[in-house]
Amino acid sequence: MVASYNAKKVLRAGVTSILDPDSVFANSLDLRDAINAGYVEGPRMACGAYALITGVGGTAGHLIADEGVTGYYRVVHGENEIIKEVRRQIKEGVDWIKVHVSGVVPHYAHLGERCSWSQKELDLVCEVAHDMGVPVMGHCRGAEAVKRAAKADFDMLFHATGMGEEAIQMVIDKRIPVCPSLTFQANIADFGTQIGTSQALIDLFKNEIQESVEPMKRLIAAGIPLICGSESGFTAVPYGDWHHREMEVFVNHFGMTPLQAIRSATADNGF
């Protein structure tokens, strides 16, 4: 068994009320610190800052500028910018570094999300962050993105859909927790017609859930923690309304018992 960094850093005792993977202007860090200092009331929070992406873009394609910050993304070009930004975020007090390992390349959108980082770049992110005691988490869709993130020793994977056999085994061998965050897809699949979603998009999300069933069952059987997420903030998953839904997905699609699903949102989800 390979003990990855996540075993010590990510799944520690305790329960986090809110896990915020990334944020616009890193404002969640300010809110976290204000809560901890007693200036405002709020839940315990663990937060990231800007999600790192390469110049090829992320899930928003041409909506993301080629340089600097767009929303909660920050573009990094080459080794020097990667090192500078990871260290800057650590100085600002992030609880982890978030990387969009895969994204939609606009001209090739019909191929779905593709890995947009080299292995050397991902290795560098983890080397710099781990050297400072900070874990790294990755948005990963597709086998290549998952494999490269696992090889780089990422501490948690978001989504991890479309893995394939080799990627599944790497996640199991490295004992990397996975947060599928399929509530958005489940809501679109079930209620998309009511909000005008195209049938093609509804079918796409239905297929993503269905194709995740066997891989996630494999991870569960191997004792890999599946962590509850929600993708809260989008129209289909407004804040505060759908946090139970991921547990339903885990039970109805992945065969978890209700108690296992509750643990995935509490004890296994602790920081």
C-alpha atoms as a PDB file:
ATOM      1  CA  MET A   1       0.000   0.000   0.000  1.00  0.00           C
ATOM      2  CA  VAL A   2       1.307   3.464  -0.941  1.00  0.00           C
ATOM      3  CA  ALA A   3       0.550   6.045   1.738  1.00  0.00           C
ATOM      4  CA  SER A   4       0.002   9.360  -0.041  1.00  0.00           C
ATOM      5  CA  TYR A   5       0.246  12.787   1.565  1.00  0.00           C
ATOM      6  CA  ASN A   6      -3.547  12.937   1.886  1.00  0.00           C
ATOM      7  CA  ALA A   7      -3.570  10.199   4.522  1.00  0.00           C
ATOM      8  CA  LYS A   8      -1.936  12.567   6.991  1.00  0.00           C
ATOM      9  CA  LYS A   9      -3.180  15.952   5.845  1.00  0.00           C
ATOM     10  CA  VAL A  10      -6.613  15.680   4.305  1.00  0.00           C
ATOM     11  CA  LEU A  11      -8.506  13.150   6.385  1.00  0.00           C
ATOM     12  CA  ARG A  12      -7.713  14.298   9.883  1.00  0.00           C
ATOM     13  CA  ALA A  13     -10.032  14.031  12.867  1.00  0.00           C
ATOM     14  CA  GLY A  14     -12.835  16.571  13.074  1.00  0.00           C
ATOM     15  CA  VAL A  15     -15.567  17.784  10.780  1.00  0.00           C
ATOM     16  CA  THR A  16     -15.493  20.844   8.574  1.00  0.00           C
ATOM     17  CA  SER A  17     -18.807  22.617   8.207  1.00  0.00           C
ATOM     18  CA  ILE A  18     -17.897  24.158   4.840  1.00  0.00           C
ATOM     19  CA  LEU A  19     -15.180  23.101   2.413  1.00  0.00           C
ATOM     20  CA  ASP A  20     -14.737  25.812  -0.238  1.00  0.00           C
ATOM     21  CA  PRO A  21     -12.377  24.544  -2.969  1.00  0.00           C
ATOM     22  CA  ASP A  22     -11.760  27.922  -4.613  1.00  0.00           C
ATOM     23  CA  SER A  23     -13.116  31.452  -4.448  1.00  0.00           C
ATOM     24  CA  VAL A  24     -13.371  34.746  -6.330  1.00  0.00           C
ATOM     25  CA  PHE A  25     -10.763  37.238  -5.035  1.00  0.00           C
ATOM     26  CA  ALA A  26      -9.936  34.624  -2.350  1.00  0.00           C
ATOM     27  CA  ASN A  27     -12.756  36.168  -0.307  1.00  0.00           C
ATOM     28  CA  SER A  28     -13.522  32.918   1.474  1.00  0.00           C
ATOM     29  CA  LEU A  29     -10.139  33.200   3.203  1.00  0.00           C
ATOM     30  CA  ASP A  30     -11.160  36.565   4.646  1.00  0.00           C
ATOM     31  CA  LEU A  31     -14.499  35.183   5.816  1.00  0.00           C
ATOM     32  CA  ARG A  32     -12.816  32.130   7.363  1.00  0.00           C
ATOM     33  CA  ASP A  33     -10.377  34.333   9.254  1.00  0.00           C
ATOM     34  CA  ALA A  34     -13.127  36.704  10.403  1.00  0.00           C
ATOM     35  CA  ILE A  35     -15.113  33.749  11.759  1.00  0.00           C
ATOM     36  CA  ASN A  36     -12.073  32.316  13.504  1.00  0.00           C
ATOM     37  CA  ALA A  37     -11.295  35.713  15.046  1.00  0.00           C
ATOM     38  CA  GLY A  38     -14.854  36.092  16.337  1.00  0.00           C
ATOM     39  CA  TYR A  39     -15.722  39.165  14.248  1.00  0.00           C
ATOM     40  CA  VAL A  40     -18.652  37.436  12.578  1.00  0.00           C
ATOM     41  CA  GLU A  41     -20.626  34.300  13.305  1.00  0.00           C
ATOM     42  CA  GLY A  42     -20.255  31.374  10.939  1.00  0.00           C
ATOM     43  CA  PRO A  43     -19.313  27.738  10.482  1.00  0.00           C
ATOM     44  CA  ARG A  44     -15.864  26.260  10.545  1.00  0.00           C
ATOM     45  CA  MET A  45     -14.362  26.678   7.075  1.00  0.00           C
ATOM     46  CA  ALA A  46     -11.482  25.241   5.072  1.00  0.00           C
ATOM     47  CA  CYS A  47     -10.713  27.244   1.946  1.00  0.00           C
ATOM     48  CA  GLY A  48      -8.762  27.496  -1.266  1.00  0.00           C
ATOM     49  CA  ALA A  49      -8.044  30.578  -3.366  1.00  0.00           C
ATOM     50  CA  TYR A  50      -7.788  30.852  -7.143  1.00  0.00           C
ATOM     51  CA  ALA A  51      -7.929  27.560  -9.028  1.00  0.00           C
ATOM     52  CA  LEU A  52      -4.812  27.184 -11.151  1.00  0.00           C
ATOM     53  CA  ILE A  53      -5.209  26.588 -14.881  1.00  0.00           C
ATOM     54  CA  THR A  54      -2.897  26.653 -17.883  1.00  0.00           C
ATOM     55  CA  GLY A  55      -3.226  28.992 -20.842  1.00  0.00           C
ATOM     56  CA  VAL A  56      -5.352  26.448 -22.707  1.00  0.00           C
ATOM     57  CA  GLY A  57      -8.201  27.293 -20.345  1.00  0.00           C
ATOM     58  CA  GLY A  58     -10.529  25.353 -18.100  1.00  0.00           C
ATOM     59  CA  THR A  59     -14.165  24.388 -18.183  1.00  0.00           C
ATOM     60  CA  ALA A  60     -15.154  27.862 -19.414  1.00  0.00           C
ATOM     61  CA  GLY A  61     -13.053  27.864 -22.601  1.00  0.00           C
ATOM     62  CA  HIS A  62     -12.774  31.281 -24.288  1.00  0.00           C
ATOM     63  CA  LEU A  63     -14.529  32.967 -21.371  1.00  0.00           C
ATOM     64  CA  ILE A  64     -11.224  32.729 -19.508  1.00  0.00           C
ATOM     65  CA  ALA A  65      -8.568  35.322 -20.318  1.00  0.00           C
ATOM     66  CA  ASP A  66      -5.153  34.186 -21.517  1.00  0.00           C
ATOM     67  CA  GLU A  67      -3.418  35.940 -18.616  1.00  0.00           C
ATOM     68  CA  GLY A  68      -4.101  36.701 -14.990  1.00  0.00           C
ATOM     69  CA  VAL A  69      -7.382  36.171 -13.157  1.00  0.00           C
ATOM     70  CA  THR A  70     -10.843  35.407 -14.522  1.00  0.00           C
ATOM     71  CA  GLY A  71     -13.428  34.748 -11.816  1.00  0.00           C
ATOM     72  CA  TYR A  72     -11.975  32.088  -9.552  1.00  0.00           C
ATOM     73  CA  TYR A  73      -9.315  30.985 -12.068  1.00  0.00           C
ATOM     74  CA  ARG A  74      -5.698  32.119 -12.310  1.00  0.00           C
ATOM     75  CA  VAL A  75      -3.686  31.281 -15.425  1.00  0.00           C
ATOM     76  CA  VAL A  76      -0.084  30.200 -14.863  1.00  0.00           C
ATOM     77  CA  HIS A  77       2.496  29.911 -17.641  1.00  0.00           C
ATOM     78  CA  GLY A  78       5.558  27.793 -17.034  1.00  0.00           C
ATOM     79  CA  GLU A  79       7.548  26.784 -13.991  1.00  0.00           C
ATOM     80  CA  ASN A  80       8.311  30.251 -12.634  1.00  0.00           C
ATOM     81  CA  GLU A  81       4.659  31.326 -12.557  1.00  0.00           C
ATOM     82  CA  ILE A  82       3.576  28.015 -11.017  1.00  0.00           C
ATOM     83  CA  ILE A  83       6.102  28.352  -8.191  1.00  0.00           C
ATOM     84  CA  LYS A  84       5.302  32.032  -7.645  1.00  0.00           C
ATOM     85  CA  GLU A  85       1.526  31.530  -7.472  1.00  0.00           C
ATOM     86  CA  VAL A  86       1.609  28.437  -5.262  1.00  0.00           C
ATOM     87  CA  ARG A  87       3.880  30.220  -2.804  1.00  0.00           C
ATOM     88  CA  ARG A  88       1.772  33.390  -2.945  1.00  0.00           C
ATOM     89  CA  GLN A  89      -1.391  31.454  -2.100  1.00  0.00           C
ATOM     90  CA  ILE A  90       0.336  29.663   0.756  1.00  0.00           C
ATOM     91  CA  LYS A  91       1.489  33.029   2.102  1.00  0.00           C
ATOM     92  CA  GLU A  92      -2.140  34.218   1.943  1.00  0.00           C
ATOM     93  CA  GLY A  93      -3.133  31.256   4.119  1.00  0.00           C
ATOM     94  CA  VAL A  94      -4.913  28.779   1.844  1.00  0.00           C
ATOM     95  CA  ASP A  95      -5.808  25.397   3.278  1.00  0.00           C
ATOM     96  CA  TRP A  96      -4.880  23.779  -0.054  1.00  0.00           C
ATOM     97  CA  ILE A  97      -3.943  24.457  -3.661  1.00  0.00           C
ATOM     98  CA  LYS A  98      -6.667  23.731  -6.236  1.00  0.00           C
ATOM     99  CA  VAL A  99      -5.716  22.791  -9.819  1.00  0.00           C
ATOM    100  CA  HIS A 100      -8.009  22.387 -12.836  1.00  0.00           C
ATOM    101  CA  VAL A 101      -6.144  19.432 -14.269  1.00  0.00           C
ATOM    102  CA  SER A 102      -8.681  18.957 -17.058  1.00  0.00           C
ATOM    103  CA  GLY A 103     -10.748  21.405 -19.074  1.00  0.00           C
ATOM    104  CA  VAL A 104     -12.628  21.939 -22.314  1.00  0.00           C
ATOM    105  CA  VAL A 105     -10.429  23.041 -25.209  1.00  0.00           C
ATOM    106  CA  PRO A 106     -12.825  25.232 -27.247  1.00  0.00           C
ATOM    107  CA  HIS A 107     -12.012  23.957 -30.754  1.00  0.00           C
ATOM    108  CA  TYR A 108     -12.152  20.375 -29.494  1.00  0.00           C
ATOM    109  CA  ALA A 109     -15.155  20.749 -27.172  1.00  0.00           C
ATOM    110  CA  HIS A 110     -16.797  17.734 -28.799  1.00  0.00           C
ATOM    111  CA  LEU A 111     -14.074  15.587 -27.212  1.00  0.00           C
ATOM    112  CA  GLY A 112     -15.090  16.663 -23.704  1.00  0.00           C
ATOM    113  CA  GLU A 113     -12.615  17.640 -21.009  1.00  0.00           C
ATOM    114  CA  ARG A 114      -8.956  16.922 -21.668  1.00  0.00           C
ATOM    115  CA  CYS A 115      -5.887  16.988 -19.456  1.00  0.00           C
ATOM    116  CA  SER A 116      -4.362  20.454 -19.887  1.00  0.00           C
ATOM    117  CA  TRP A 117      -1.239  20.085 -17.722  1.00  0.00           C
ATOM    118  CA  SER A 118       1.988  18.221 -18.355  1.00  0.00           C
ATOM    119  CA  GLN A 119       3.199  15.686 -15.821  1.00  0.00           C
ATOM    120  CA  LYS A 120       6.188  17.893 -15.031  1.00  0.00           C
ATOM    121  CA  GLU A 121       3.923  20.858 -14.247  1.00  0.00           C
ATOM    122  CA  LEU A 122       1.676  18.857 -11.911  1.00  0.00           C
ATOM    123  CA  ASP A 123       4.701  17.346 -10.196  1.00  0.00           C
ATOM    124  CA  LEU A 124       6.002  20.875  -9.585  1.00  0.00           C
ATOM    125  CA  VAL A 125       2.738  22.082  -8.034  1.00  0.00           C
ATOM    126  CA  CYS A 126       2.780  19.208  -5.569  1.00  0.00           C
ATOM    127  CA  GLU A 127       6.500  19.527  -4.847  1.00  0.00           C
ATOM    128  CA  VAL A 128       6.214  23.216  -3.929  1.00  0.00           C
ATOM    129  CA  ALA A 129       2.951  22.885  -1.977  1.00  0.00           C
ATOM    130  CA  HIS A 130       3.881  19.727  -0.093  1.00  0.00           C
ATOM    131  CA  ASP A 131       7.255  21.185   0.821  1.00  0.00           C
ATOM    132  CA  MET A 132       5.304  23.864   2.719  1.00  0.00           C
ATOM    133  CA  GLY A 133       2.898  21.353   4.272  1.00  0.00           C
ATOM    134  CA  VAL A 134      -0.075  22.271   2.062  1.00  0.00           C
ATOM    135  CA  PRO A 135      -2.175  19.632   0.237  1.00  0.00           C
ATOM    136  CA  VAL A 136      -3.154  19.787  -3.436  1.00  0.00           C
ATOM    137  CA  MET A 137      -6.577  19.028  -4.881  1.00  0.00           C
ATOM    138  CA  GLY A 138      -7.522  18.606  -8.506  1.00  0.00           C
ATOM    139  CA  HIS A 139     -10.545  18.948 -10.778  1.00  0.00           C
ATOM    140  CA  CYS A 140     -10.076  15.862 -12.953  1.00  0.00           C
ATOM    141  CA  ARG A 141     -12.238  14.407 -15.696  1.00  0.00           C
ATOM    142  CA  GLY A 142     -10.868  11.754 -18.008  1.00  0.00           C
ATOM    143  CA  ALA A 143      -8.349   8.979 -17.521  1.00  0.00           C
ATOM    144  CA  GLU A 144      -5.230  10.975 -18.386  1.00  0.00           C
ATOM    145  CA  ALA A 145      -6.036  13.799 -15.968  1.00  0.00           C
ATOM    146  CA  VAL A 146      -6.658  11.330 -13.146  1.00  0.00           C
ATOM    147  CA  LYS A 147      -3.510   9.335 -13.881  1.00  0.00           C
ATOM    148  CA  ARG A 148      -1.250  12.386 -14.008  1.00  0.00           C
ATOM    149  CA  ALA A 149      -2.754  13.837 -10.817  1.00  0.00           C
ATOM    150  CA  ALA A 150      -2.336  10.513  -9.025  1.00  0.00           C
ATOM    151  CA  LYS A 151       1.246  10.158 -10.229  1.00  0.00           C
ATOM    152  CA  ALA A 152       1.987  13.687  -8.963  1.00  0.00           C
ATOM    153  CA  ASP A 153       0.628  12.697  -5.523  1.00  0.00           C
ATOM    154  CA  PHE A 154      -2.475  14.889  -5.444  1.00  0.00           C
ATOM    155  CA  ASP A 155      -4.237  14.656  -2.080  1.00  0.00           C
ATOM    156  CA  MET A 156      -7.840  14.698  -3.305  1.00  0.00           C
ATOM    157  CA  LEU A 157      -9.569  14.437  -6.670  1.00  0.00           C
ATOM    158  CA  PHE A 158     -12.802  16.162  -7.614  1.00  0.00           C
ATOM    159  CA  HIS A 159     -15.118  14.329 -10.051  1.00  0.00           C
ATOM    160  CA  ALA A 160     -12.664  11.654 -11.301  1.00  0.00           C
ATOM    161  CA  THR A 161     -15.114  10.615 -14.000  1.00  0.00           C
ATOM    162  CA  GLY A 162     -14.078   8.650 -17.079  1.00  0.00           C
ATOM    163  CA  MET A 163     -11.152   7.061 -15.256  1.00  0.00           C
ATOM    164  CA  GLY A 164     -10.582   3.711 -16.940  1.00  0.00           C
ATOM    165  CA  GLU A 165      -8.921   0.679 -15.367  1.00  0.00           C
ATOM    166  CA  GLU A 166      -5.375   2.036 -15.020  1.00  0.00           C
ATOM    167  CA  ALA A 167      -6.537   5.295 -13.454  1.00  0.00           C
ATOM    168  CA  ILE A 168      -8.837   3.472 -11.017  1.00  0.00           C
ATOM    169  CA  GLN A 169      -5.968   1.280  -9.854  1.00  0.00           C
ATOM    170  CA  MET A 170      -3.659   4.263  -9.397  1.00  0.00           C
ATOM    171  CA  VAL A 171      -6.236   6.004  -7.200  1.00  0.00           C
ATOM    172  CA  ILE A 172      -6.631   2.832  -5.148  1.00  0.00           C
ATOM    173  CA  ASP A 173      -2.884   2.266  -4.845  1.00  0.00           C
ATOM    174  CA  LYS A 174      -2.261   5.866  -3.770  1.00  0.00           C
ATOM    175  CA  ARG A 175      -5.314   5.858  -1.430  1.00  0.00           C
ATOM    176  CA  ILE A 176      -6.553   9.186  -2.805  1.00  0.00           C
ATOM    177  CA  PRO A 177      -9.960  10.386  -1.562  1.00  0.00           C
ATOM    178  CA  VAL A 178     -12.426  11.288  -4.321  1.00  0.00           C
ATOM    179  CA  CYS A 179     -15.171  13.912  -4.248  1.00  0.00           C
ATOM    180  CA  PRO A 180     -17.426  13.076  -7.245  1.00  0.00           C
ATOM    181  CA  SER A 181     -19.635  16.199  -6.836  1.00  0.00           C
ATOM    182  CA  LEU A 182     -22.412  14.846  -9.029  1.00  0.00           C
ATOM    183  CA  THR A 183     -25.283  16.809  -7.489  1.00  0.00           C
ATOM    184  CA  PHE A 184     -25.204  19.306 -10.369  1.00  0.00           C
ATOM    185  CA  GLN A 185     -25.395  16.524 -12.941  1.00  0.00           C
ATOM    186  CA  ALA A 186     -28.142  14.720 -11.017  1.00  0.00           C
ATOM    187  CA  ASN A 187     -30.256  17.872 -10.798  1.00  0.00           C
ATOM    188  CA  ILE A 188     -29.876  18.619 -14.507  1.00  0.00           C
ATOM    189  CA  ALA A 189     -30.647  15.000 -15.370  1.00  0.00           C
ATOM    190  CA  ASP A 190     -33.839  15.021 -13.289  1.00  0.00           C
ATOM    191  CA  PHE A 191     -35.035  18.620 -13.581  1.00  0.00           C
ATOM    192  CA  GLY A 192     -33.275  19.999 -16.652  1.00  0.00           C
ATOM    193  CA  THR A 193     -36.408  20.070 -18.790  1.00  0.00           C
ATOM    194  CA  GLN A 194     -38.038  22.382 -16.246  1.00  0.00           C
ATOM    195  CA  ILE A 195     -35.323  25.021 -16.646  1.00  0.00           C
ATOM    196  CA  GLY A 196     -34.884  24.782 -20.404  1.00  0.00           C
ATOM    197  CA  THR A 197     -31.760  22.607 -20.549  1.00  0.00           C
ATOM    198  CA  SER A 198     -31.157  21.016 -23.932  1.00  0.00           C
ATOM    199  CA  GLN A 199     -31.789  17.302 -24.219  1.00  0.00           C
ATOM    200  CA  ALA A 200     -28.207  16.797 -25.404  1.00  0.00           C
ATOM    201  CA  LEU A 201     -26.863  18.297 -22.181  1.00  0.00           C
ATOM    202  CA  ILE A 202     -29.303  16.308 -20.062  1.00  0.00           C
ATOM    203  CA  ASP A 203     -28.189  13.105 -21.773  1.00  0.00           C
ATOM    204  CA  LEU A 204     -24.526  14.078 -21.322  1.00  0.00           C
ATOM    205  CA  PHE A 205     -24.943  14.433 -17.553  1.00  0.00           C
ATOM    206  CA  LYS A 206     -26.993  11.264 -17.268  1.00  0.00           C
ATOM    207  CA  ASN A 207     -24.222   9.378 -19.026  1.00  0.00           C
ATOM    208  CA  GLU A 208     -21.565  10.902 -16.774  1.00  0.00           C
ATOM    209  CA  ILE A 209     -23.375   9.593 -13.702  1.00  0.00           C
ATOM    210  CA  GLN A 210     -23.980   6.170 -15.248  1.00  0.00           C
ATOM    211  CA  GLU A 211     -20.388   5.798 -16.394  1.00  0.00           C
ATOM    212  CA  SER A 212     -19.232   6.621 -12.858  1.00  0.00           C
ATOM    213  CA  VAL A 213     -21.177   3.794 -11.218  1.00  0.00           C
ATOM    214  CA  GLU A 214     -18.735   0.909 -11.613  1.00  0.00           C
ATOM    215  CA  PRO A 215     -15.540   2.940 -10.983  1.00  0.00           C
ATOM    216  CA  MET A 216     -16.984   4.464  -7.805  1.00  0.00           C
ATOM    217  CA  LYS A 217     -18.156   1.067  -6.612  1.00  0.00           C
ATOM    218  CA  ARG A 218     -14.592  -0.164  -7.110  1.00  0.00           C
ATOM    219  CA  LEU A 219     -13.246   2.677  -4.990  1.00  0.00           C
ATOM    220  CA  ILE A 220     -15.805   2.055  -2.253  1.00  0.00           C
ATOM    221  CA  ALA A 221     -14.985  -1.659  -2.190  1.00  0.00           C
ATOM    222  CA  ALA A 222     -11.273  -0.800  -1.889  1.00  0.00           C
ATOM    223  CA  GLY A 223     -11.941   1.486   1.076  1.00  0.00           C
ATOM    224  CA  ILE A 224     -11.217   4.750  -0.733  1.00  0.00           C
ATOM    225  CA  PRO A 225     -13.195   7.577   0.906  1.00  0.00           C
ATOM    226  CA  LEU A 226     -15.844   9.139  -1.317  1.00  0.00           C
ATOM    227  CA  ILE A 227     -16.416  12.678  -0.089  1.00  0.00           C
ATOM    228  CA  CYS A 228     -19.739  14.490  -0.399  1.00  0.00           C
ATOM    229  CA  GLY A 229     -19.679  17.636  -2.533  1.00  0.00           C
ATOM    230  CA  SER A 230     -22.431  19.755  -4.026  1.00  0.00           C
ATOM    231  CA  GLU A 231     -21.075  22.201  -6.663  1.00  0.00           C
ATOM    232  CA  SER A 232     -23.118  24.825  -4.797  1.00  0.00           C
ATOM    233  CA  GLY A 233     -23.310  28.234  -6.450  1.00  0.00           C
ATOM    234  CA  PHE A 234     -24.633  27.300  -9.887  1.00  0.00           C
ATOM    235  CA  THR A 235     -28.276  27.907 -10.818  1.00  0.00           C
ATOM    236  CA  ALA A 236     -29.106  24.214 -10.593  1.00  0.00           C
ATOM    237  CA  VAL A 237     -27.491  23.879  -7.143  1.00  0.00           C
ATOM    238  CA  PRO A 238     -28.190  27.067  -5.143  1.00  0.00           C
ATOM    239  CA  TYR A 239     -26.497  27.431  -1.785  1.00  0.00           C
ATOM    240  CA  GLY A 240     -28.255  25.769   1.123  1.00  0.00           C
ATOM    241  CA  ASP A 241     -30.838  23.771  -0.817  1.00  0.00           C
ATOM    242  CA  TRP A 242     -29.201  20.597  -2.129  1.00  0.00           C
ATOM    243  CA  HIS A 243     -26.535  19.428   0.310  1.00  0.00           C
ATOM    244  CA  HIS A 244     -28.406  16.168   0.929  1.00  0.00           C
ATOM    245  CA  ARG A 245     -28.531  15.258  -2.756  1.00  0.00           C
ATOM    246  CA  GLU A 246     -25.013  13.882  -3.078  1.00  0.00           C
ATOM    247  CA  MET A 247     -25.755  11.305  -0.390  1.00  0.00           C
ATOM    248  CA  GLU A 248     -28.788  10.200  -2.423  1.00  0.00           C
ATOM    249  CA  VAL A 249     -26.550   9.764  -5.474  1.00  0.00           C
ATOM    250  CA  PHE A 250     -24.135   7.671  -3.428  1.00  0.00           C
ATOM    251  CA  VAL A 251     -26.939   5.417  -2.180  1.00  0.00           C
ATOM    252  CA  ASN A 252     -29.048   5.177  -5.335  1.00  0.00           C
ATOM    253  CA  HIS A 253     -26.232   4.868  -7.885  1.00  0.00           C
ATOM    254  CA  PHE A 254     -23.124   3.665  -6.047  1.00  0.00           C
ATOM    255  CA  GLY A 255     -24.776   1.197  -3.677  1.00  0.00           C
ATOM    256  CA  MET A 256     -23.710   2.825  -0.419  1.00  0.00           C
ATOM    257  CA  THR A 257     -25.757   2.159   2.675  1.00  0.00           C
ATOM    258  CA  PRO A 258     -27.411   5.234   4.203  1.00  0.00           C
ATOM    259  CA  LEU A 259     -24.912   5.101   7.072  1.00  0.00           C
ATOM    260  CA  GLN A 260     -21.976   4.992   4.656  1.00  0.00           C
ATOM    261  CA  ALA A 261     -23.398   8.001   2.823  1.00  0.00           C
ATOM    262  CA  ILE A 262     -23.812   9.924   6.082  1.00  0.00           C
ATOM    263  CA  ARG A 263     -20.190   9.158   6.958  1.00  0.00           C
ATOM    264  CA  SER A 264     -19.107  10.444   3.546  1.00  0.00           C
ATOM    265  CA  ALA A 265     -20.640  13.817   4.475  1.00  0.00           C
ATOM    266  CA  THR A 266     -19.355  13.851   8.055  1.00  0.00           C
ATOM    267  CA  ALA A 267     -16.592  11.667   9.528  1.00  0.00           C
ATOM    268  CA  ASP A 268     -14.891  10.877   6.197  1.00  0.00           C
ATOM    269  CA  ASN A 269     -15.191  14.530   5.178  1.00  0.00           C
ATOM    270  CA  GLY A 270     -13.299  15.908   8.157  1.00  0.00           C
ATOM    271  CA  PHE A 271     -10.374  18.340   8.245  1.00  0.00           C
END
